[in-house]
């Protein structure tokens, strides 16, 4: 895991390298943590597959399309990098 802070924007990013079977579980874990502004899924070459902007307070049924999209991507790729942009405290 890599972590970067950006004091100008008040955000920090974390990167997680995961394999296909772990992608969906890691996304669900991150969503439950909260304070996430955006999730970016990248392939092994660094190309962005999916960028998911998350608004404050998104919960429950609103997350179903996000989880479905991530599940579809997990079925297509073997390794991904998950970049998580969080609000700094």
PDB file of N, CA and C in Angstrom:
ATOM      1  N   UNK A   1       0.845  -1.177   0.000  1.00  0.00           N
ATOM      2  CA  UNK A   1       0.000   0.000   0.000  1.00  0.00           C
ATOM      3  C   UNK A   1       0.888   1.236   0.000  1.00  0.00           C
ATOM      4  N   UNK A   2       0.544   2.184  -0.852  1.00  0.00           N
ATOM      5  CA  UNK A   2       1.231   3.476  -0.898  1.00  0.00           C
ATOM      6  C   UNK A   2       0.256   4.547  -0.452  1.00  0.00           C
ATOM      7  N   UNK A   3       0.775   5.573   0.233  1.00  0.00           N
ATOM      8  CA  UNK A   3      -0.086   6.662   0.700  1.00  0.00           C
ATOM      9  C   UNK A   3       0.566   7.997   0.366  1.00  0.00           C
ATOM     10  N   UNK A   4      -0.240   8.943  -0.135  1.00  0.00           N
ATOM     11  CA  UNK A   4       0.223  10.287  -0.465  1.00  0.00           C
ATOM     12  C   UNK A   4      -0.759  11.304   0.102  1.00  0.00           C
ATOM     13  N   UNK A   5      -0.227  12.393   0.669  1.00  0.00           N
ATOM     14  CA  UNK A   5      -1.058  13.470   1.188  1.00  0.00           C
ATOM     15  C   UNK A   5      -0.929  14.702   0.306  1.00  0.00           C
ATOM     16  N   UNK A   6      -2.041  15.433   0.132  1.00  0.00           N
ATOM     17  CA  UNK A   6      -2.037  16.679  -0.616  1.00  0.00           C
ATOM     18  C   UNK A   6      -2.696  17.749   0.247  1.00  0.00           C
ATOM     19  N   UNK A   7      -1.907  18.534   0.989  1.00  0.00           N
ATOM     20  CA  UNK A   7      -2.487  19.538   1.880  1.00  0.00           C
ATOM     21  C   UNK A   7      -3.263  20.634   1.153  1.00  0.00           C
ATOM     22  N   UNK A   8      -2.937  20.904  -0.109  1.00  0.00           N
ATOM     23  CA  UNK A   8      -3.641  21.948  -0.864  1.00  0.00           C
ATOM     24  C   UNK A   8      -5.104  21.586  -1.096  1.00  0.00           C
ATOM     25  N   UNK A   9      -5.387  20.327  -1.411  1.00  0.00           N
ATOM     26  CA  UNK A   9      -6.760  19.905  -1.690  1.00  0.00           C
ATOM     27  C   UNK A   9      -7.438  19.297  -0.475  1.00  0.00           C
ATOM     28  N   UNK A  10      -6.668  19.036   0.584  1.00  0.00           N
ATOM     29  CA  UNK A  10      -7.244  18.423   1.775  1.00  0.00           C
ATOM     30  C   UNK A  10      -7.577  16.960   1.583  1.00  0.00           C
ATOM     31  N   UNK A  11      -6.856  16.305   0.674  1.00  0.00           N
ATOM     32  CA  UNK A  11      -7.116  14.893   0.422  1.00  0.00           C
ATOM     33  C   UNK A  11      -5.832  14.082   0.565  1.00  0.00           C
ATOM     34  N   UNK A  12      -6.016  12.794   0.707  1.00  0.00           N
ATOM     35  CA  UNK A  12      -4.889  11.876   0.665  1.00  0.00           C
ATOM     36  C   UNK A  12      -5.296  10.692  -0.201  1.00  0.00           C
ATOM     37  N   UNK A  13      -4.329  10.075  -0.840  1.00  0.00           N
ATOM     38  CA  UNK A  13      -4.620   8.913  -1.666  1.00  0.00           C
ATOM     39  C   UNK A  13      -3.883   7.702  -1.123  1.00  0.00           C
ATOM     40  N   UNK A  14      -4.504   6.555  -1.292  1.00  0.00           N
ATOM     41  CA  UNK A  14      -3.913   5.277  -0.926  1.00  0.00           C
ATOM     42  C   UNK A  14      -4.042   4.368  -2.132  1.00  0.00           C
ATOM     43  N   UNK A  15      -3.025   3.551  -2.379  1.00  0.00           N
ATOM     44  CA  UNK A  15      -3.060   2.605  -3.487  1.00  0.00           C
ATOM     45  C   UNK A  15      -2.921   1.193  -2.939  1.00  0.00           C
ATOM     46  N   UNK A  16      -3.760   0.297  -3.454  1.00  0.00           N
ATOM     47  CA  UNK A  16      -3.737  -1.097  -3.074  1.00  0.00           C
ATOM     48  C   UNK A  16      -3.624  -1.938  -4.335  1.00  0.00           C
ATOM     49  N   UNK A  17      -2.692  -2.868  -4.374  1.00  0.00           N
ATOM     50  CA  UNK A  17      -2.570  -3.792  -5.491  1.00  0.00           C
ATOM     51  C   UNK A  17      -3.266  -5.079  -5.092  1.00  0.00           C
ATOM     52  N   UNK A  18      -4.270  -5.484  -5.876  1.00  0.00           N
ATOM     53  CA  UNK A  18      -5.069  -6.661  -5.536  1.00  0.00           C
ATOM     54  C   UNK A  18      -5.263  -7.546  -6.758  1.00  0.00           C
ATOM     55  N   UNK A  19      -5.567  -8.810  -6.505  1.00  0.00           N
ATOM     56  CA  UNK A  19      -5.861  -9.734  -7.601  1.00  0.00           C
ATOM     57  C   UNK A  19      -7.370  -9.821  -7.786  1.00  0.00           C
ATOM     58  N   UNK A  20      -7.798 -10.463  -8.864  1.00  0.00           N
ATOM     59  CA  UNK A  20      -9.210 -10.522  -9.243  1.00  0.00           C
ATOM     60  C   UNK A  20     -10.150 -10.938  -8.137  1.00  0.00           C
ATOM     61  N   UNK A  21      -9.782 -11.974  -7.387  1.00  0.00           N
ATOM     62  CA  UNK A  21     -10.649 -12.476  -6.335  1.00  0.00           C
ATOM     63  C   UNK A  21     -10.774 -11.548  -5.143  1.00  0.00           C
ATOM     64  N   UNK A  22      -9.804 -10.672  -4.961  1.00  0.00           N
ATOM     65  CA  UNK A  22      -9.791  -9.782  -3.796  1.00  0.00           C
ATOM     66  C   UNK A  22     -10.417  -8.424  -4.069  1.00  0.00           C
ATOM     67  N   UNK A  23     -10.616  -8.090  -5.339  1.00  0.00           N
ATOM     68  CA  UNK A  23     -11.051  -6.737  -5.723  1.00  0.00           C
ATOM     69  C   UNK A  23     -12.374  -6.357  -5.066  1.00  0.00           C
ATOM     70  N   UNK A  24     -13.372  -7.195  -5.233  1.00  0.00           N
ATOM     71  CA  UNK A  24     -14.704  -6.870  -4.723  1.00  0.00           C
ATOM     72  C   UNK A  24     -14.708  -6.745  -3.201  1.00  0.00           C
ATOM     73  N   UNK A  25     -14.025  -7.655  -2.518  1.00  0.00           N
ATOM     74  CA  UNK A  25     -13.974  -7.583  -1.057  1.00  0.00           C
ATOM     75  C   UNK A  25     -13.273  -6.314  -0.581  1.00  0.00           C
ATOM     76  N   UNK A  26     -12.193  -5.930  -1.246  1.00  0.00           N
ATOM     77  CA  UNK A  26     -11.452  -4.727  -0.850  1.00  0.00           C
ATOM     78  C   UNK A  26     -12.304  -3.472  -1.067  1.00  0.00           C
ATOM     79  N   UNK A  27     -13.025  -3.407  -2.194  1.00  0.00           N
ATOM     80  CA  UNK A  27     -13.897  -2.252  -2.459  1.00  0.00           C
ATOM     81  C   UNK A  27     -14.983  -2.153  -1.392  1.00  0.00           C
ATOM     82  N   UNK A  28     -15.605  -3.267  -1.054  1.00  0.00           N
ATOM     83  CA  UNK A  28     -16.643  -3.255  -0.026  1.00  0.00           C
ATOM     84  C   UNK A  28     -16.074  -2.785   1.310  1.00  0.00           C
ATOM     85  N   UNK A  29     -14.882  -3.274   1.648  1.00  0.00           N
ATOM     86  CA  UNK A  29     -14.222  -2.869   2.890  1.00  0.00           C
ATOM     87  C   UNK A  29     -13.966  -1.364   2.900  1.00  0.00           C
ATOM     88  N   UNK A  30     -13.473  -0.829   1.795  1.00  0.00           N
ATOM     89  CA  UNK A  30     -13.176   0.598   1.702  1.00  0.00           C
ATOM     90  C   UNK A  30     -14.442   1.442   1.793  1.00  0.00           C
ATOM     91  N   UNK A  31     -15.514   0.999   1.145  1.00  0.00           N
ATOM     92  CA  UNK A  31     -16.768   1.745   1.180  1.00  0.00           C
ATOM     93  C   UNK A  31     -17.333   1.815   2.594  1.00  0.00           C
ATOM     94  N   UNK A  32     -17.150   0.755   3.369  1.00  0.00           N
ATOM     95  CA  UNK A  32     -17.647   0.756   4.743  1.00  0.00           C
ATOM     96  C   UNK A  32     -16.837   1.662   5.653  1.00  0.00           C
ATOM     97  N   UNK A  33     -15.579   1.935   5.294  1.00  0.00           N
ATOM     98  CA  UNK A  33     -14.750   2.834   6.092  1.00  0.00           C
ATOM     99  C   UNK A  33     -15.272   4.264   6.056  1.00  0.00           C
ATOM    100  N   UNK A  34     -15.840   4.658   4.935  1.00  0.00           N
ATOM    101  CA  UNK A  34     -16.346   6.020   4.803  1.00  0.00           C
ATOM    102  C   UNK A  34     -15.261   7.003   4.403  1.00  0.00           C
ATOM    103  N   UNK A  35     -15.545   8.271   4.438  1.00  0.00           N
ATOM    104  CA  UNK A  35     -14.705   9.427   4.096  1.00  0.00           C
ATOM    105  C   UNK A  35     -13.956   9.285   2.766  1.00  0.00           C
ATOM    106  N   UNK A  36     -14.496   8.497   1.833  1.00  0.00           N
ATOM    107  CA  UNK A  36     -13.872   8.311   0.523  1.00  0.00           C
ATOM    108  C   UNK A  36     -14.511   9.261  -0.471  1.00  0.00           C
ATOM    109  N   UNK A  37     -13.675   9.971  -1.198  1.00  0.00           N
ATOM    110  CA  UNK A  37     -14.134  10.920  -2.198  1.00  0.00           C
ATOM    111  C   UNK A  37     -14.224  10.288  -3.588  1.00  0.00           C
ATOM    112  N   UNK A  38     -13.266   9.390  -3.874  1.00  0.00           N
ATOM    113  CA  UNK A  38     -13.221   8.786  -5.205  1.00  0.00           C
ATOM    114  C   UNK A  38     -12.445   7.470  -5.147  1.00  0.00           C
ATOM    115  N   UNK A  39     -12.873   6.513  -5.994  1.00  0.00           N
ATOM    116  CA  UNK A  39     -12.163   5.247  -6.161  1.00  0.00           C
ATOM    117  C   UNK A  39     -11.803   5.123  -7.627  1.00  0.00           C
ATOM    118  N   UNK A  40     -10.549   4.804  -7.897  1.00  0.00           N
ATOM    119  CA  UNK A  40     -10.071   4.643  -9.274  1.00  0.00           C
ATOM    120  C   UNK A  40      -9.489   3.238  -9.402  1.00  0.00           C
ATOM    121  N   UNK A  41      -9.929   2.510 -10.421  1.00  0.00           N
ATOM    122  CA  UNK A  41      -9.394   1.177 -10.690  1.00  0.00           C
ATOM    123  C   UNK A  41      -8.487   1.260 -11.903  1.00  0.00           C
ATOM    124  N   UNK A  42      -7.234   0.798 -11.744  1.00  0.00           N
ATOM    125  CA  UNK A  42      -6.257   0.856 -12.829  1.00  0.00           C
ATOM    126  C   UNK A  42      -5.717  -0.540 -13.113  1.00  0.00           C
ATOM    127  N   UNK A  43      -5.364  -0.786 -14.388  1.00  0.00           N
ATOM    128  CA  UNK A  43      -4.766  -2.065 -14.740  1.00  0.00           C
ATOM    129  C   UNK A  43      -3.267  -2.063 -14.437  1.00  0.00           C
ATOM    130  N   UNK A  44      -2.584  -3.143 -14.798  1.00  0.00           N
ATOM    131  CA  UNK A  44      -1.157  -3.279 -14.483  1.00  0.00           C
ATOM    132  C   UNK A  44      -0.286  -2.233 -15.169  1.00  0.00           C
ATOM    133  N   UNK A  45      -0.744  -1.680 -16.296  1.00  0.00           N
ATOM    134  CA  UNK A  45       0.008  -0.651 -17.014  1.00  0.00           C
ATOM    135  C   UNK A  45      -0.324   0.763 -16.527  1.00  0.00           C
ATOM    136  N   UNK A  46      -1.230   0.885 -15.575  1.00  0.00           N
ATOM    137  CA  UNK A  46      -1.597   2.186 -15.047  1.00  0.00           C
ATOM    138  C   UNK A  46      -2.757   2.853 -15.766  1.00  0.00           C
ATOM    139  N   UNK A  47      -3.361   2.142 -16.716  1.00  0.00           N
ATOM    140  CA  UNK A  47      -4.511   2.684 -17.458  1.00  0.00           C
ATOM    141  C   UNK A  47      -5.763   2.609 -16.581  1.00  0.00           C
ATOM    142  N   UNK A  48      -6.503   3.718 -16.517  1.00  0.00           N
ATOM    143  CA  UNK A  48      -7.717   3.769 -15.703  1.00  0.00           C
ATOM    144  C   UNK A  48      -8.832   2.966 -16.361  1.00  0.00           C
ATOM    145  N   UNK A  49      -9.370   2.003 -15.600  1.00  0.00           N
ATOM    146  CA  UNK A  49     -10.516   1.207 -16.046  1.00  0.00           C
ATOM    147  C   UNK A  49     -11.821   1.889 -15.674  1.00  0.00           C
ATOM    148  N   UNK A  50     -11.885   2.332 -14.429  1.00  0.00           N
ATOM    149  CA  UNK A  50     -13.121   2.885 -13.894  1.00  0.00           C
ATOM    150  C   UNK A  50     -12.783   3.905 -12.817  1.00  0.00           C
ATOM    151  N   UNK A  51     -13.473   5.041 -12.866  1.00  0.00           N
ATOM    152  CA  UNK A  51     -13.326   6.068 -11.844  1.00  0.00           C
ATOM    153  C   UNK A  51     -14.698   6.297 -11.244  1.00  0.00           C
ATOM    154  N   UNK A  52     -14.794   6.135  -9.929  1.00  0.00           N
ATOM    155  CA  UNK A  52     -16.075   6.225  -9.244  1.00  0.00           C
ATOM    156  C   UNK A  52     -16.041   7.397  -8.265  1.00  0.00           C
ATOM    157  N   UNK A  53     -16.694   8.515  -8.617  1.00  0.00           N
ATOM    158  CA  UNK A  53     -16.795   9.614  -7.645  1.00  0.00           C
ATOM    159  C   UNK A  53     -17.873   9.277  -6.617  1.00  0.00           C
ATOM    160  N   UNK A  54     -17.570   9.477  -5.352  1.00  0.00           N
ATOM    161  CA  UNK A  54     -18.529   9.175  -4.293  1.00  0.00           C
ATOM    162  C   UNK A  54     -18.863  10.450  -3.538  1.00  0.00           C
ATOM    163  N   UNK A  55     -20.136  10.678  -3.356  1.00  0.00           N
ATOM    164  CA  UNK A  55     -20.561  11.852  -2.603  1.00  0.00           C
ATOM    165  C   UNK A  55     -20.661  11.492  -1.132  1.00  0.00           C
ATOM    166  N   UNK A  56     -20.586  12.484  -0.294  1.00  0.00           N
ATOM    167  CA  UNK A  56     -20.701  12.263   1.142  1.00  0.00           C
ATOM    168  C   UNK A  56     -22.095  11.727   1.442  1.00  0.00           C
ATOM    169  N   UNK A  57     -22.163  10.686   2.225  1.00  0.00           N
ATOM    170  CA  UNK A  57     -23.449  10.145   2.637  1.00  0.00           C
ATOM    171  C   UNK A  57     -24.014   9.067   1.727  1.00  0.00           C
ATOM    172  N   UNK A  58     -23.267   8.623   0.729  1.00  0.00           N
ATOM    173  CA  UNK A  58     -23.765   7.563  -0.139  1.00  0.00           C
ATOM    174  C   UNK A  58     -23.727   6.241   0.631  1.00  0.00           C
ATOM    175  N   UNK A  59     -24.876   5.585   0.730  1.00  0.00           N
ATOM    176  CA  UNK A  59     -24.962   4.346   1.500  1.00  0.00           C
ATOM    177  C   UNK A  59     -25.971   3.400   0.875  1.00  0.00           C
ATOM    178  N   UNK A  60     -25.977   2.181   1.372  1.00  0.00           N
ATOM    179  CA  UNK A  60     -27.008   1.201   1.049  1.00  0.00           C
ATOM    180  C   UNK A  60     -27.233   0.946  -0.411  1.00  0.00           C
ATOM    181  N   UNK A  61     -28.481   1.113  -0.838  1.00  0.00           N
ATOM    182  CA  UNK A  61     -28.895   0.789  -2.198  1.00  0.00           C
ATOM    183  C   UNK A  61     -28.165   1.620  -3.243  1.00  0.00           C
ATOM    184  N   UNK A  62     -27.701   2.787  -2.875  1.00  0.00           N
ATOM    185  CA  UNK A  62     -26.973   3.638  -3.830  1.00  0.00           C
ATOM    186  C   UNK A  62     -25.642   3.017  -4.229  1.00  0.00           C
ATOM    187  N   UNK A  63     -25.117   2.104  -3.421  1.00  0.00           N
ATOM    188  CA  UNK A  63     -23.835   1.459  -3.711  1.00  0.00           C
ATOM    189  C   UNK A  63     -23.968   0.231  -4.611  1.00  0.00           C
ATOM    190  N   UNK A  64     -25.188  -0.258  -4.821  1.00  0.00           N
ATOM    191  CA  UNK A  64     -25.395  -1.470  -5.618  1.00  0.00           C
ATOM    192  C   UNK A  64     -24.803  -1.340  -7.024  1.00  0.00           C
ATOM    193  N   UNK A  65     -25.035  -0.259  -7.770  1.00  0.00           N
ATOM    194  CA  UNK A  65     -24.425  -0.154  -9.101  1.00  0.00           C
ATOM    195  C   UNK A  65     -22.898  -0.121  -9.061  1.00  0.00           C
ATOM    196  N   UNK A  66     -22.338   0.494  -8.038  1.00  0.00           N
ATOM    197  CA  UNK A  66     -20.887   0.556  -7.896  1.00  0.00           C
ATOM    198  C   UNK A  66     -20.322  -0.845  -7.703  1.00  0.00           C
ATOM    199  N   UNK A  67     -20.916  -1.602  -6.798  1.00  0.00           N
ATOM    200  CA  UNK A  67     -20.451  -2.958  -6.515  1.00  0.00           C
ATOM    201  C   UNK A  67     -20.640  -3.852  -7.733  1.00  0.00           C
ATOM    202  N   UNK A  68     -21.728  -3.689  -8.467  1.00  0.00           N
ATOM    203  CA  UNK A  68     -21.959  -4.484  -9.679  1.00  0.00           C
ATOM    204  C   UNK A  68     -20.906  -4.187 -10.743  1.00  0.00           C
ATOM    205  N   UNK A  69     -20.566  -2.920 -10.922  1.00  0.00           N
ATOM    206  CA  UNK A  69     -19.548  -2.545 -11.913  1.00  0.00           C
ATOM    207  C   UNK A  69     -18.185  -3.108 -11.524  1.00  0.00           C
ATOM    208  N   UNK A  70     -17.846  -3.028 -10.264  1.00  0.00           N
ATOM    209  CA  UNK A  70     -16.567  -3.557  -9.794  1.00  0.00           C
ATOM    210  C   UNK A  70     -16.532  -5.074  -9.965  1.00  0.00           C
ATOM    211  N   UNK A  71     -17.633  -5.735  -9.693  1.00  0.00           N
ATOM    212  CA  UNK A  71     -17.703  -7.183  -9.871  1.00  0.00           C
ATOM    213  C   UNK A  71     -17.488  -7.593 -11.318  1.00  0.00           C
ATOM    214  N   UNK A  72     -18.049  -6.828 -12.245  1.00  0.00           N
ATOM    215  CA  UNK A  72     -17.871  -7.123 -13.671  1.00  0.00           C
ATOM    216  C   UNK A  72     -16.415  -6.939 -14.085  1.00  0.00           C
ATOM    217  N   UNK A  73     -15.778  -5.910 -13.586  1.00  0.00           N
ATOM    218  CA  UNK A  73     -14.369  -5.662 -13.903  1.00  0.00           C
ATOM    219  C   UNK A  73     -13.491  -6.752 -13.287  1.00  0.00           C
ATOM    220  N   UNK A  74     -13.808  -7.164 -12.073  1.00  0.00           N
ATOM    221  CA  UNK A  74     -13.019  -8.202 -11.400  1.00  0.00           C
ATOM    222  C   UNK A  74     -13.043  -9.503 -12.192  1.00  0.00           C
ATOM    223  N   UNK A  75     -14.137  -9.764 -12.885  1.00  0.00           N
ATOM    224  CA  UNK A  75     -14.232 -10.982 -13.688  1.00  0.00           C
ATOM    225  C   UNK A  75     -13.362 -10.901 -14.939  1.00  0.00           C
ATOM    226  N   UNK A  76     -13.015  -9.701 -15.383  1.00  0.00           N
ATOM    227  CA  UNK A  76     -12.263  -9.519 -16.619  1.00  0.00           C
ATOM    228  C   UNK A  76     -10.754  -9.411 -16.433  1.00  0.00           C
ATOM    229  N   UNK A  77     -10.308  -8.993 -15.279  1.00  0.00           N
ATOM    230  CA  UNK A  77      -8.880  -8.753 -15.084  1.00  0.00           C
ATOM    231  C   UNK A  77      -8.340  -9.588 -13.928  1.00  0.00           C
ATOM    232  N   UNK A  78      -7.037  -9.850 -13.970  1.00  0.00           N
ATOM    233  CA  UNK A  78      -6.447 -10.654 -12.906  1.00  0.00           C
ATOM    234  C   UNK A  78      -5.819  -9.795 -11.815  1.00  0.00           C
ATOM    235  N   UNK A  79      -5.273  -8.634 -12.183  1.00  0.00           N
ATOM    236  CA  UNK A  79      -4.649  -7.758 -11.195  1.00  0.00           C
ATOM    237  C   UNK A  79      -5.036  -6.309 -11.459  1.00  0.00           C
ATOM    238  N   UNK A  80      -5.316  -5.600 -10.394  1.00  0.00           N
ATOM    239  CA  UNK A  80      -5.677  -4.190 -10.486  1.00  0.00           C
ATOM    240  C   UNK A  80      -5.008  -3.419  -9.362  1.00  0.00           C
ATOM    241  N   UNK A  81      -4.893  -2.125  -9.587  1.00  0.00           N
ATOM    242  CA  UNK A  81      -4.507  -1.214  -8.520  1.00  0.00           C
ATOM    243  C   UNK A  81      -5.737  -0.391  -8.184  1.00  0.00           C
ATOM    244  N   UNK A  82      -6.072  -0.349  -6.918  1.00  0.00           N
ATOM    245  CA  UNK A  82      -7.190   0.458  -6.448  1.00  0.00           C
ATOM    246  C   UNK A  82      -6.593   1.727  -5.844  1.00  0.00           C
ATOM    247  N   UNK A  83      -6.955   2.876  -6.392  1.00  0.00           N
ATOM    248  CA  UNK A  83      -6.500   4.160  -5.870  1.00  0.00           C
ATOM    249  C   UNK A  83      -7.701   4.767  -5.145  1.00  0.00           C
ATOM    250  N   UNK A  84      -7.526   5.064  -3.882  1.00  0.00           N
ATOM    251  CA  UNK A  84      -8.611   5.600  -3.060  1.00  0.00           C
ATOM    252  C   UNK A  84      -8.237   7.021  -2.662  1.00  0.00           C
ATOM    253  N   UNK A  85      -9.102   7.977  -3.001  1.00  0.00           N
ATOM    254  CA  UNK A  85      -8.903   9.369  -2.581  1.00  0.00           C
ATOM    255  C   UNK A  85      -9.811   9.621  -1.393  1.00  0.00           C
ATOM    256  N   UNK A  86      -9.200   9.990  -0.262  1.00  0.00           N
ATOM    257  CA  UNK A  86      -9.957  10.219   0.973  1.00  0.00           C
ATOM    258  C   UNK A  86      -9.823  11.666   1.410  1.00  0.00           C
ATOM    259  N   UNK A  87     -10.770  12.095   2.198  1.00  0.00           N
ATOM    260  CA  UNK A  87     -10.725  13.421   2.799  1.00  0.00           C
ATOM    261  C   UNK A  87      -9.767  13.354   3.975  1.00  0.00           C
ATOM    262  N   UNK A  88      -8.802  14.250   4.007  1.00  0.00           N
ATOM    263  CA  UNK A  88      -7.854  14.285   5.133  1.00  0.00           C
ATOM    264  C   UNK A  88      -8.532  14.838   6.362  1.00  0.00           C
ATOM    265  N   UNK A  89      -8.138  14.304   7.500  1.00  0.00           N
ATOM    266  CA  UNK A  89      -8.706  14.778   8.775  1.00  0.00           C
ATOM    267  C   UNK A  89      -7.757  15.701   9.459  1.00  0.00           C
TER     268      UNK A  89
END
